[in-house]
């Protein structure tokens, strides 16, 4: 098992945001994932996206997600500062090339 410790640097005025969801219906789940992509976020796991966006963009994404999901669904939109993100530990495989394409700086 690989253990990686990565750092992402954010652009001024933006933060690293995670979108993590548990949506039962395939159609609703697809619509939420498409909205995440529309905001420039990248899928890092089946139900997890990461991206560098502004607080305003995160709030707009939250409004869109709220319109799409059912009350039995759950969507987390979590801001992470660069300092906090630098303390993360990733266990397993992680596609660093996908992250590099997003203008993140990956530091091993």
PDB file of N, CA and C in Angstrom:
ATOM      1  N   UNK A   1       0.835  -1.174   0.000  1.00  0.00           N
ATOM      2  CA  UNK A   1       0.000   0.000   0.000  1.00  0.00           C
ATOM      3  C   UNK A   1       0.887   1.246   0.000  1.00  0.00           C
ATOM      4  N   UNK A   2       0.555   2.198  -0.883  1.00  0.00           N
ATOM      5  CA  UNK A   2       1.311   3.447  -0.967  1.00  0.00           C
ATOM      6  C   UNK A   2       0.727   4.470  -0.009  1.00  0.00           C
ATOM      7  N   UNK A   3       1.590   5.238   0.603  1.00  0.00           N
ATOM      8  CA  UNK A   3       1.150   6.364   1.427  1.00  0.00           C
ATOM      9  C   UNK A   3       1.790   7.604   0.834  1.00  0.00           C
ATOM     10  N   UNK A   4       0.974   8.594   0.486  1.00  0.00           N
ATOM     11  CA  UNK A   4       1.478   9.820  -0.119  1.00  0.00           C
ATOM     12  C   UNK A   4       1.066  10.997   0.732  1.00  0.00           C
ATOM     13  N   UNK A   5       1.914  11.997   0.773  1.00  0.00           N
ATOM     14  CA  UNK A   5       1.598  13.238   1.469  1.00  0.00           C
ATOM     15  C   UNK A   5       1.809  14.355   0.464  1.00  0.00           C
ATOM     16  N   UNK A   6       0.728  15.003   0.021  1.00  0.00           N
ATOM     17  CA  UNK A   6       0.782  16.019  -1.025  1.00  0.00           C
ATOM     18  C   UNK A   6       0.406  17.373  -0.449  1.00  0.00           C
ATOM     19  N   UNK A   7       0.922  18.423  -1.038  1.00  0.00           N
ATOM     20  CA  UNK A   7       0.537  19.787  -0.692  1.00  0.00           C
ATOM     21  C   UNK A   7      -0.026  20.453  -1.939  1.00  0.00           C
ATOM     22  N   UNK A   8      -1.129  21.176  -1.804  1.00  0.00           N
ATOM     23  CA  UNK A   8      -1.702  21.935  -2.912  1.00  0.00           C
ATOM     24  C   UNK A   8      -1.661  23.403  -2.542  1.00  0.00           C
ATOM     25  N   UNK A   9      -1.193  24.240  -3.452  1.00  0.00           N
ATOM     26  CA  UNK A   9      -1.148  25.676  -3.214  1.00  0.00           C
ATOM     27  C   UNK A   9      -2.343  26.320  -3.904  1.00  0.00           C
ATOM     28  N   UNK A  10      -3.062  27.187  -3.205  1.00  0.00           N
ATOM     29  CA  UNK A  10      -4.255  27.780  -3.797  1.00  0.00           C
ATOM     30  C   UNK A  10      -3.961  29.158  -4.345  1.00  0.00           C
ATOM     31  N   UNK A  11      -4.806  29.555  -5.266  1.00  0.00           N
ATOM     32  CA  UNK A  11      -4.707  30.856  -5.909  1.00  0.00           C
ATOM     33  C   UNK A  11      -5.344  31.892  -4.978  1.00  0.00           C
ATOM     34  N   UNK A  12      -4.800  33.081  -4.919  1.00  0.00           N
ATOM     35  CA  UNK A  12      -5.306  34.137  -4.035  1.00  0.00           C
ATOM     36  C   UNK A  12      -6.798  34.345  -4.240  1.00  0.00           C
ATOM     37  N   UNK A  13      -7.546  34.424  -3.132  1.00  0.00           N
ATOM     38  CA  UNK A  13      -8.988  34.620  -3.200  1.00  0.00           C
ATOM     39  C   UNK A  13      -9.775  33.338  -3.345  1.00  0.00           C
ATOM     40  N   UNK A  14      -9.098  32.237  -3.546  1.00  0.00           N
ATOM     41  CA  UNK A  14      -9.761  30.953  -3.706  1.00  0.00           C
ATOM     42  C   UNK A  14      -9.268  30.002  -2.622  1.00  0.00           C
ATOM     43  N   UNK A  15     -10.032  28.959  -2.432  1.00  0.00           N
ATOM     44  CA  UNK A  15      -9.648  27.928  -1.477  1.00  0.00           C
ATOM     45  C   UNK A  15      -9.847  26.567  -2.122  1.00  0.00           C
ATOM     46  N   UNK A  16      -9.257  25.579  -1.508  1.00  0.00           N
ATOM     47  CA  UNK A  16      -9.476  24.197  -1.925  1.00  0.00           C
ATOM     48  C   UNK A  16     -10.825  23.770  -1.346  1.00  0.00           C
ATOM     49  N   UNK A  17     -11.711  23.317  -2.201  1.00  0.00           N
ATOM     50  CA  UNK A  17     -13.007  22.819  -1.756  1.00  0.00           C
ATOM     51  C   UNK A  17     -13.150  21.357  -2.123  1.00  0.00           C
ATOM     52  N   UNK A  18     -13.738  20.618  -1.215  1.00  0.00           N
ATOM     53  CA  UNK A  18     -14.094  19.219  -1.421  1.00  0.00           C
ATOM     54  C   UNK A  18     -15.603  19.146  -1.567  1.00  0.00           C
ATOM     55  N   UNK A  19     -16.081  18.344  -2.502  1.00  0.00           N
ATOM     56  CA  UNK A  19     -17.496  17.993  -2.577  1.00  0.00           C
ATOM     57  C   UNK A  19     -17.565  16.484  -2.411  1.00  0.00           C
ATOM     58  N   UNK A  20     -18.266  16.075  -1.383  1.00  0.00           N
ATOM     59  CA  UNK A  20     -18.392  14.651  -1.055  1.00  0.00           C
ATOM     60  C   UNK A  20     -19.883  14.372  -0.954  1.00  0.00           C
ATOM     61  N   UNK A  21     -20.346  13.336  -1.651  1.00  0.00           N
ATOM     62  CA  UNK A  21     -21.785  13.114  -1.635  1.00  0.00           C
ATOM     63  C   UNK A  21     -22.151  11.645  -1.548  1.00  0.00           C
ATOM     64  N   UNK A  22     -23.360  11.429  -1.029  1.00  0.00           N
ATOM     65  CA  UNK A  22     -23.992  10.114  -0.981  1.00  0.00           C
ATOM     66  C   UNK A  22     -25.393  10.320  -1.528  1.00  0.00           C
ATOM     67  N   UNK A  23     -25.562   9.995  -2.803  1.00  0.00           N
ATOM     68  CA  UNK A  23     -26.821  10.224  -3.506  1.00  0.00           C
ATOM     69  C   UNK A  23     -27.299   8.891  -4.067  1.00  0.00           C
ATOM     70  N   UNK A  24     -28.497   8.496  -3.699  1.00  0.00           N
ATOM     71  CA  UNK A  24     -29.007   7.172  -4.047  1.00  0.00           C
ATOM     72  C   UNK A  24     -29.393   7.023  -5.520  1.00  0.00           C
ATOM     73  N   UNK A  25     -29.991   8.044  -6.075  1.00  0.00           N
ATOM     74  CA  UNK A  25     -30.507   7.980  -7.438  1.00  0.00           C
ATOM     75  C   UNK A  25     -29.411   8.291  -8.459  1.00  0.00           C
ATOM     76  N   UNK A  26     -29.235   7.416  -9.439  1.00  0.00           N
ATOM     77  CA  UNK A  26     -28.182   7.590 -10.446  1.00  0.00           C
ATOM     78  C   UNK A  26     -28.311   8.902 -11.219  1.00  0.00           C
ATOM     79  N   UNK A  27     -29.520   9.263 -11.589  1.00  0.00           N
ATOM     80  CA  UNK A  27     -29.735  10.480 -12.373  1.00  0.00           C
ATOM     81  C   UNK A  27     -29.352  11.726 -11.565  1.00  0.00           C
ATOM     82  N   UNK A  28     -29.787  11.784 -10.312  1.00  0.00           N
ATOM     83  CA  UNK A  28     -29.433  12.928  -9.467  1.00  0.00           C
ATOM     84  C   UNK A  28     -27.931  12.967  -9.196  1.00  0.00           C
ATOM     85  N   UNK A  29     -27.348  11.792  -8.977  1.00  0.00           N
ATOM     86  CA  UNK A  29     -25.910  11.712  -8.725  1.00  0.00           C
ATOM     87  C   UNK A  29     -25.125  12.212  -9.934  1.00  0.00           C
ATOM     88  N   UNK A  30     -25.552  11.834 -11.124  1.00  0.00           N
ATOM     89  CA  UNK A  30     -24.894  12.287 -12.351  1.00  0.00           C
ATOM     90  C   UNK A  30     -25.006  13.808 -12.497  1.00  0.00           C
ATOM     91  N   UNK A  31     -26.175  14.361 -12.188  1.00  0.00           N
ATOM     92  CA  UNK A  31     -26.368  15.812 -12.301  1.00  0.00           C
ATOM     93  C   UNK A  31     -25.468  16.574 -11.331  1.00  0.00           C
ATOM     94  N   UNK A  32     -25.315  16.076 -10.114  1.00  0.00           N
ATOM     95  CA  UNK A  32     -24.427  16.730  -9.146  1.00  0.00           C
ATOM     96  C   UNK A  32     -22.981  16.637  -9.622  1.00  0.00           C
ATOM     97  N   UNK A  33     -22.575  15.484 -10.139  1.00  0.00           N
ATOM     98  CA  UNK A  33     -21.191  15.352 -10.621  1.00  0.00           C
ATOM     99  C   UNK A  33     -20.945  16.272 -11.815  1.00  0.00           C
ATOM    100  N   UNK A  34     -21.932  16.449 -12.676  1.00  0.00           N
ATOM    101  CA  UNK A  34     -21.788  17.368 -13.813  1.00  0.00           C
ATOM    102  C   UNK A  34     -21.661  18.814 -13.333  1.00  0.00           C
ATOM    103  N   UNK A  35     -22.414  19.185 -12.308  1.00  0.00           N
ATOM    104  CA  UNK A  35     -22.292  20.541 -11.754  1.00  0.00           C
ATOM    105  C   UNK A  35     -20.893  20.755 -11.179  1.00  0.00           C
ATOM    106  N   UNK A  36     -20.369  19.759 -10.476  1.00  0.00           N
ATOM    107  CA  UNK A  36     -19.004  19.873  -9.943  1.00  0.00           C
ATOM    108  C   UNK A  36     -18.013  20.107 -11.081  1.00  0.00           C
ATOM    109  N   UNK A  37     -18.153  19.366 -12.157  1.00  0.00           N
ATOM    110  CA  UNK A  37     -17.266  19.535 -13.321  1.00  0.00           C
ATOM    111  C   UNK A  37     -17.443  20.923 -13.935  1.00  0.00           C
ATOM    112  N   UNK A  38     -18.701  21.409 -13.984  1.00  0.00           N
ATOM    113  CA  UNK A  38     -18.957  22.744 -14.536  1.00  0.00           C
ATOM    114  C   UNK A  38     -18.237  23.839 -13.749  1.00  0.00           C
ATOM    115  N   UNK A  39     -17.985  23.597 -12.472  1.00  0.00           N
ATOM    116  CA  UNK A  39     -17.263  24.552 -11.641  1.00  0.00           C
ATOM    117  C   UNK A  39     -15.752  24.297 -11.660  1.00  0.00           C
ATOM    118  N   UNK A  40     -15.308  23.416 -12.541  1.00  0.00           N
ATOM    119  CA  UNK A  40     -13.876  23.172 -12.692  1.00  0.00           C
ATOM    120  C   UNK A  40     -13.295  22.197 -11.692  1.00  0.00           C
ATOM    121  N   UNK A  41     -14.149  21.489 -10.993  1.00  0.00           N
ATOM    122  CA  UNK A  41     -13.659  20.530 -10.008  1.00  0.00           C
ATOM    123  C   UNK A  41     -13.299  19.215 -10.699  1.00  0.00           C
ATOM    124  N   UNK A  42     -12.416  18.474 -10.079  1.00  0.00           N
ATOM    125  CA  UNK A  42     -11.965  17.198 -10.621  1.00  0.00           C
ATOM    126  C   UNK A  42     -12.370  16.067  -9.691  1.00  0.00           C
ATOM    127  N   UNK A  43     -12.825  14.975 -10.293  1.00  0.00           N
ATOM    128  CA  UNK A  43     -13.185  13.788  -9.506  1.00  0.00           C
ATOM    129  C   UNK A  43     -11.905  13.121  -9.015  1.00  0.00           C
ATOM    130  N   UNK A  44     -11.843  12.851  -7.706  1.00  0.00           N
ATOM    131  CA  UNK A  44     -10.696  12.131  -7.152  1.00  0.00           C
ATOM    132  C   UNK A  44     -11.091  10.761  -6.616  1.00  0.00           C
ATOM    133  N   UNK A  45     -12.378  10.556  -6.388  1.00  0.00           N
ATOM    134  CA  UNK A  45     -12.944   9.256  -6.077  1.00  0.00           C
ATOM    135  C   UNK A  45     -14.351   9.239  -6.653  1.00  0.00           C
ATOM    136  N   UNK A  46     -15.035   8.102  -6.576  1.00  0.00           N
ATOM    137  CA  UNK A  46     -16.348   7.992  -7.210  1.00  0.00           C
ATOM    138  C   UNK A  46     -17.323   9.074  -6.768  1.00  0.00           C
ATOM    139  N   UNK A  47     -17.347   9.410  -5.507  1.00  0.00           N
ATOM    140  CA  UNK A  47     -18.286  10.411  -5.003  1.00  0.00           C
ATOM    141  C   UNK A  47     -17.576  11.577  -4.336  1.00  0.00           C
ATOM    142  N   UNK A  48     -16.361  11.887  -4.820  1.00  0.00           N
ATOM    143  CA  UNK A  48     -15.561  12.966  -4.226  1.00  0.00           C
ATOM    144  C   UNK A  48     -14.928  13.804  -5.327  1.00  0.00           C
ATOM    145  N   UNK A  49     -15.135  15.122  -5.229  1.00  0.00           N
ATOM    146  CA  UNK A  49     -14.503  16.066  -6.142  1.00  0.00           C
ATOM    147  C   UNK A  49     -13.657  17.029  -5.327  1.00  0.00           C
ATOM    148  N   UNK A  50     -12.612  17.589  -5.971  1.00  0.00           N
ATOM    149  CA  UNK A  50     -11.778  18.608  -5.346  1.00  0.00           C
ATOM    150  C   UNK A  50     -11.538  19.705  -6.375  1.00  0.00           C
ATOM    151  N   UNK A  51     -11.479  20.931  -5.903  1.00  0.00           N
ATOM    152  CA  UNK A  51     -11.208  22.023  -6.825  1.00  0.00           C
ATOM    153  C   UNK A  51     -10.862  23.297  -6.082  1.00  0.00           C
ATOM    154  N   UNK A  52     -10.250  24.207  -6.789  1.00  0.00           N
ATOM    155  CA  UNK A  52      -9.936  25.516  -6.230  1.00  0.00           C
ATOM    156  C   UNK A  52     -10.966  26.490  -6.778  1.00  0.00           C
ATOM    157  N   UNK A  53     -11.851  26.958  -5.884  1.00  0.00           N
ATOM    158  CA  UNK A  53     -12.909  27.884  -6.265  1.00  0.00           C
ATOM    159  C   UNK A  53     -13.046  28.945  -5.172  1.00  0.00           C
ATOM    160  N   UNK A  54     -13.775  29.981  -5.483  1.00  0.00           N
ATOM    161  CA  UNK A  54     -14.015  31.041  -4.501  1.00  0.00           C
ATOM    162  C   UNK A  54     -15.184  30.640  -3.594  1.00  0.00           C
ATOM    163  N   UNK A  55     -15.333  31.374  -2.502  1.00  0.00           N
ATOM    164  CA  UNK A  55     -16.457  31.123  -1.600  1.00  0.00           C
ATOM    165  C   UNK A  55     -17.778  31.352  -2.323  1.00  0.00           C
ATOM    166  N   UNK A  56     -17.836  32.385  -3.155  1.00  0.00           N
ATOM    167  CA  UNK A  56     -19.041  32.670  -3.927  1.00  0.00           C
ATOM    168  C   UNK A  56     -19.380  31.505  -4.859  1.00  0.00           C
ATOM    169  N   UNK A  57     -18.378  30.955  -5.525  1.00  0.00           N
ATOM    170  CA  UNK A  57     -18.609  29.803  -6.402  1.00  0.00           C
ATOM    171  C   UNK A  57     -19.095  28.596  -5.602  1.00  0.00           C
ATOM    172  N   UNK A  58     -18.525  28.392  -4.422  1.00  0.00           N
ATOM    173  CA  UNK A  58     -18.951  27.281  -3.571  1.00  0.00           C
ATOM    174  C   UNK A  58     -20.411  27.453  -3.159  1.00  0.00           C
ATOM    175  N   UNK A  59     -20.803  28.680  -2.855  1.00  0.00           N
ATOM    176  CA  UNK A  59     -22.186  28.948  -2.482  1.00  0.00           C
ATOM    177  C   UNK A  59     -23.126  28.727  -3.672  1.00  0.00           C
ATOM    178  N   UNK A  60     -22.691  29.110  -4.868  1.00  0.00           N
ATOM    179  CA  UNK A  60     -23.497  28.872  -6.069  1.00  0.00           C
ATOM    180  C   UNK A  60     -23.629  27.371  -6.330  1.00  0.00           C
ATOM    181  N   UNK A  61     -22.543  26.633  -6.139  1.00  0.00           N
ATOM    182  CA  UNK A  61     -22.584  25.181  -6.310  1.00  0.00           C
ATOM    183  C   UNK A  61     -23.529  24.556  -5.287  1.00  0.00           C
ATOM    184  N   UNK A  62     -23.497  25.048  -4.069  1.00  0.00           N
ATOM    185  CA  UNK A  62     -24.398  24.534  -3.025  1.00  0.00           C
ATOM    186  C   UNK A  62     -25.861  24.750  -3.414  1.00  0.00           C
ATOM    187  N   UNK A  63     -26.180  25.910  -3.973  1.00  0.00           N
ATOM    188  CA  UNK A  63     -27.551  26.196  -4.409  1.00  0.00           C
ATOM    189  C   UNK A  63     -27.967  25.214  -5.500  1.00  0.00           C
ATOM    190  N   UNK A  64     -27.072  24.997  -6.469  1.00  0.00           N
ATOM    191  CA  UNK A  64     -27.377  24.051  -7.560  1.00  0.00           C
ATOM    192  C   UNK A  64     -27.599  22.651  -7.009  1.00  0.00           C
ATOM    193  N   UNK A  65     -26.714  22.219  -6.092  1.00  0.00           N
ATOM    194  CA  UNK A  65     -26.840  20.871  -5.524  1.00  0.00           C
ATOM    195  C   UNK A  65     -28.143  20.726  -4.747  1.00  0.00           C
ATOM    196  N   UNK A  66     -28.503  21.763  -3.998  1.00  0.00           N
ATOM    197  CA  UNK A  66     -29.735  21.724  -3.218  1.00  0.00           C
ATOM    198  C   UNK A  66     -30.948  21.536  -4.120  1.00  0.00           C
ATOM    199  N   UNK A  67     -30.913  22.136  -5.308  1.00  0.00           N
ATOM    200  CA  UNK A  67     -32.008  21.990  -6.274  1.00  0.00           C
ATOM    201  C   UNK A  67     -32.066  20.584  -6.849  1.00  0.00           C
ATOM    202  N   UNK A  68     -30.946  19.867  -6.845  1.00  0.00           N
ATOM    203  CA  UNK A  68     -30.860  18.569  -7.517  1.00  0.00           C
ATOM    204  C   UNK A  68     -31.106  17.365  -6.616  1.00  0.00           C
ATOM    205  N   UNK A  69     -30.827  17.498  -5.330  1.00  0.00           N
ATOM    206  CA  UNK A  69     -30.861  16.323  -4.469  1.00  0.00           C
ATOM    207  C   UNK A  69     -32.201  16.164  -3.760  1.00  0.00           C
ATOM    208  N   UNK A  70     -32.419  14.973  -3.249  1.00  0.00           N
ATOM    209  CA  UNK A  70     -33.602  14.627  -2.502  1.00  0.00           C
ATOM    210  C   UNK A  70     -33.278  14.725  -1.005  1.00  0.00           C
ATOM    211  N   UNK A  71     -34.278  14.736  -0.165  1.00  0.00           N
ATOM    212  CA  UNK A  71     -34.006  14.896   1.268  1.00  0.00           C
ATOM    213  C   UNK A  71     -33.291  13.698   1.872  1.00  0.00           C
ATOM    214  N   UNK A  72     -33.288  12.557   1.196  1.00  0.00           N
ATOM    215  CA  UNK A  72     -32.551  11.381   1.675  1.00  0.00           C
ATOM    216  C   UNK A  72     -31.094  11.392   1.242  1.00  0.00           C
ATOM    217  N   UNK A  73     -30.720  12.333   0.380  1.00  0.00           N
ATOM    218  CA  UNK A  73     -29.345  12.441  -0.108  1.00  0.00           C
ATOM    219  C   UNK A  73     -28.525  13.329   0.823  1.00  0.00           C
ATOM    220  N   UNK A  74     -27.209  13.282   0.637  1.00  0.00           N
ATOM    221  CA  UNK A  74     -26.328  14.108   1.455  1.00  0.00           C
ATOM    222  C   UNK A  74     -25.175  14.619   0.591  1.00  0.00           C
ATOM    223  N   UNK A  75     -24.925  15.927   0.661  1.00  0.00           N
ATOM    224  CA  UNK A  75     -23.810  16.539  -0.065  1.00  0.00           C
ATOM    225  C   UNK A  75     -23.040  17.415   0.922  1.00  0.00           C
ATOM    226  N   UNK A  76     -21.734  17.167   1.029  1.00  0.00           N
ATOM    227  CA  UNK A  76     -20.849  18.007   1.830  1.00  0.00           C
ATOM    228  C   UNK A  76     -20.043  18.879   0.882  1.00  0.00           C
ATOM    229  N   UNK A  77     -19.957  20.166   1.156  1.00  0.00           N
ATOM    230  CA  UNK A  77     -19.054  21.073   0.444  1.00  0.00           C
ATOM    231  C   UNK A  77     -18.164  21.670   1.515  1.00  0.00           C
ATOM    232  N   UNK A  78     -16.901  21.272   1.502  1.00  0.00           N
ATOM    233  CA  UNK A  78     -15.996  21.578   2.607  1.00  0.00           C
ATOM    234  C   UNK A  78     -14.806  22.380   2.107  1.00  0.00           C
ATOM    235  N   UNK A  79     -14.592  23.542   2.708  1.00  0.00           N
ATOM    236  CA  UNK A  79     -13.426  24.370   2.395  1.00  0.00           C
ATOM    237  C   UNK A  79     -12.233  23.877   3.211  1.00  0.00           C
ATOM    238  N   UNK A  80     -11.067  23.902   2.585  1.00  0.00           N
ATOM    239  CA  UNK A  80      -9.835  23.505   3.258  1.00  0.00           C
ATOM    240  C   UNK A  80      -8.756  24.515   2.914  1.00  0.00           C
ATOM    241  N   UNK A  81      -8.177  25.128   3.940  1.00  0.00           N
ATOM    242  CA  UNK A  81      -7.083  26.056   3.662  1.00  0.00           C
ATOM    243  C   UNK A  81      -5.840  25.260   3.273  1.00  0.00           C
ATOM    244  N   UNK A  82      -4.913  25.918   2.620  1.00  0.00           N
ATOM    245  CA  UNK A  82      -3.701  25.252   2.165  1.00  0.00           C
ATOM    246  C   UNK A  82      -2.925  24.657   3.334  1.00  0.00           C
ATOM    247  N   UNK A  83      -2.848  25.393   4.428  1.00  0.00           N
ATOM    248  CA  UNK A  83      -2.107  24.905   5.588  1.00  0.00           C
ATOM    249  C   UNK A  83      -2.733  23.619   6.131  1.00  0.00           C
ATOM    250  N   UNK A  84      -4.062  23.601   6.250  1.00  0.00           N
ATOM    251  CA  UNK A  84      -4.756  22.397   6.720  1.00  0.00           C
ATOM    252  C   UNK A  84      -4.573  21.247   5.733  1.00  0.00           C
ATOM    253  N   UNK A  85      -4.688  21.556   4.440  1.00  0.00           N
ATOM    254  CA  UNK A  85      -4.561  20.513   3.428  1.00  0.00           C
ATOM    255  C   UNK A  85      -3.159  19.907   3.432  1.00  0.00           C
ATOM    256  N   UNK A  86      -2.160  20.708   3.762  1.00  0.00           N
ATOM    257  CA  UNK A  86      -0.791  20.193   3.764  1.00  0.00           C
ATOM    258  C   UNK A  86      -0.576  19.155   4.857  1.00  0.00           C
ATOM    259  N   UNK A  87      -1.493  19.070   5.820  1.00  0.00           N
ATOM    260  CA  UNK A  87      -1.378  18.087   6.898  1.00  0.00           C
ATOM    261  C   UNK A  87      -2.118  16.790   6.621  1.00  0.00           C
ATOM    262  N   UNK A  88      -2.684  16.654   5.440  1.00  0.00           N
ATOM    263  CA  UNK A  88      -3.442  15.454   5.126  1.00  0.00           C
ATOM    264  C   UNK A  88      -2.513  14.275   4.873  1.00  0.00           C
ATOM    265  N   UNK A  89      -3.074  13.087   4.964  1.00  0.00           N
ATOM    266  CA  UNK A  89      -2.367  11.859   4.611  1.00  0.00           C
ATOM    267  C   UNK A  89      -3.253  11.118   3.626  1.00  0.00           C
ATOM    268  N   UNK A  90      -2.695  10.721   2.499  1.00  0.00           N
ATOM    269  CA  UNK A  90      -3.435   9.959   1.495  1.00  0.00           C
ATOM    270  C   UNK A  90      -2.880   8.547   1.492  1.00  0.00           C
ATOM    271  N   UNK A  91      -3.748   7.595   1.690  1.00  0.00           N
ATOM    272  CA  UNK A  91      -3.356   6.184   1.692  1.00  0.00           C
ATOM    273  C   UNK A  91      -3.929   5.557   0.433  1.00  0.00           C
ATOM    274  N   UNK A  92      -3.084   4.928  -0.343  1.00  0.00           N
ATOM    275  CA  UNK A  92      -3.542   4.283  -1.567  1.00  0.00           C
ATOM    276  C   UNK A  92      -3.158   5.083  -2.792  1.00  0.00           C
ATOM    277  N   UNK A  93      -3.804   4.774  -3.897  1.00  0.00           N
ATOM    278  CA  UNK A  93      -3.474   5.368  -5.184  1.00  0.00           C
ATOM    279  C   UNK A  93      -4.152   6.723  -5.332  1.00  0.00           C
ATOM    280  N   UNK A  94      -3.413   7.689  -5.841  1.00  0.00           N
ATOM    281  CA  UNK A  94      -3.942   9.035  -6.074  1.00  0.00           C
ATOM    282  C   UNK A  94      -3.357   9.529  -7.388  1.00  0.00           C
ATOM    283  N   UNK A  95      -4.202  10.008  -8.290  1.00  0.00           N
ATOM    284  CA  UNK A  95      -3.770  10.437  -9.611  1.00  0.00           C
ATOM    285  C   UNK A  95      -3.204  11.851  -9.547  1.00  0.00           C
ATOM    286  N   UNK A  96      -1.886  11.968  -9.362  1.00  0.00           N
ATOM    287  CA  UNK A  96      -1.244  13.273  -9.250  1.00  0.00           C
ATOM    288  C   UNK A  96      -1.342  14.064 -10.550  1.00  0.00           C
ATOM    289  N   UNK A  97      -1.357  13.412 -11.697  1.00  0.00           N
ATOM    290  CA  UNK A  97      -1.437  14.112 -12.978  1.00  0.00           C
ATOM    291  C   UNK A  97      -2.744  14.889 -13.097  1.00  0.00           C
ATOM    292  N   UNK A  98      -3.833  14.319 -12.595  1.00  0.00           N
ATOM    293  CA  UNK A  98      -5.124  15.005 -12.619  1.00  0.00           C
ATOM    294  C   UNK A  98      -5.056  16.289 -11.796  1.00  0.00           C
ATOM    295  N   UNK A  99      -4.399  16.221 -10.670  1.00  0.00           N
ATOM    296  CA  UNK A  99      -4.270  17.383  -9.797  1.00  0.00           C
ATOM    297  C   UNK A  99      -3.377  18.432 -10.447  1.00  0.00           C
ATOM    298  N   UNK A 100      -2.287  18.006 -11.069  1.00  0.00           N
ATOM    299  CA  UNK A 100      -1.374  18.953 -11.707  1.00  0.00           C
ATOM    300  C   UNK A 100      -2.070  19.727 -12.831  1.00  0.00           C
ATOM    301  N   UNK A 101      -2.989  19.097 -13.533  1.00  0.00           N
ATOM    302  CA  UNK A 101      -3.726  19.755 -14.621  1.00  0.00           C
ATOM    303  C   UNK A 101      -4.622  20.867 -14.096  1.00  0.00           C
ATOM    304  N   UNK A 102      -4.920  20.865 -12.816  1.00  0.00           N
ATOM    305  CA  UNK A 102      -5.800  21.872 -12.223  1.00  0.00           C
ATOM    306  C   UNK A 102      -5.033  23.075 -11.714  1.00  0.00           C
ATOM    307  N   UNK A 103      -3.771  23.187 -12.053  1.00  0.00           N
ATOM    308  CA  UNK A 103      -2.901  24.281 -11.613  1.00  0.00           C
ATOM    309  C   UNK A 103      -2.609  24.221 -10.120  1.00  0.00           C
ATOM    310  N   UNK A 104      -2.797  23.058  -9.510  1.00  0.00           N
ATOM    311  CA  UNK A 104      -2.327  22.846  -8.151  1.00  0.00           C
ATOM    312  C   UNK A 104      -0.833  22.578  -8.244  1.00  0.00           C
ATOM    313  N   UNK A 105      -0.112  22.909  -7.221  1.00  0.00           N
ATOM    314  CA  UNK A 105       1.290  22.552  -7.154  1.00  0.00           C
ATOM    315  C   UNK A 105       1.391  21.369  -6.202  1.00  0.00           C
ATOM    316  N   UNK A 106       1.874  20.242  -6.694  1.00  0.00           N
ATOM    317  CA  UNK A 106       1.990  19.040  -5.888  1.00  0.00           C
ATOM    318  C   UNK A 106       3.407  18.938  -5.359  1.00  0.00           C
ATOM    319  N   UNK A 107       3.532  18.837  -4.050  1.00  0.00           N
ATOM    320  CA  UNK A 107       4.841  18.743  -3.404  1.00  0.00           C
ATOM    321  C   UNK A 107       4.881  17.438  -2.643  1.00  0.00           C
ATOM    322  N   UNK A 108       5.818  16.563  -2.980  1.00  0.00           N
ATOM    323  CA  UNK A 108       5.935  15.286  -2.279  1.00  0.00           C
ATOM    324  C   UNK A 108       6.852  15.404  -1.092  1.00  0.00           C
TER     325      UNK A 108
END
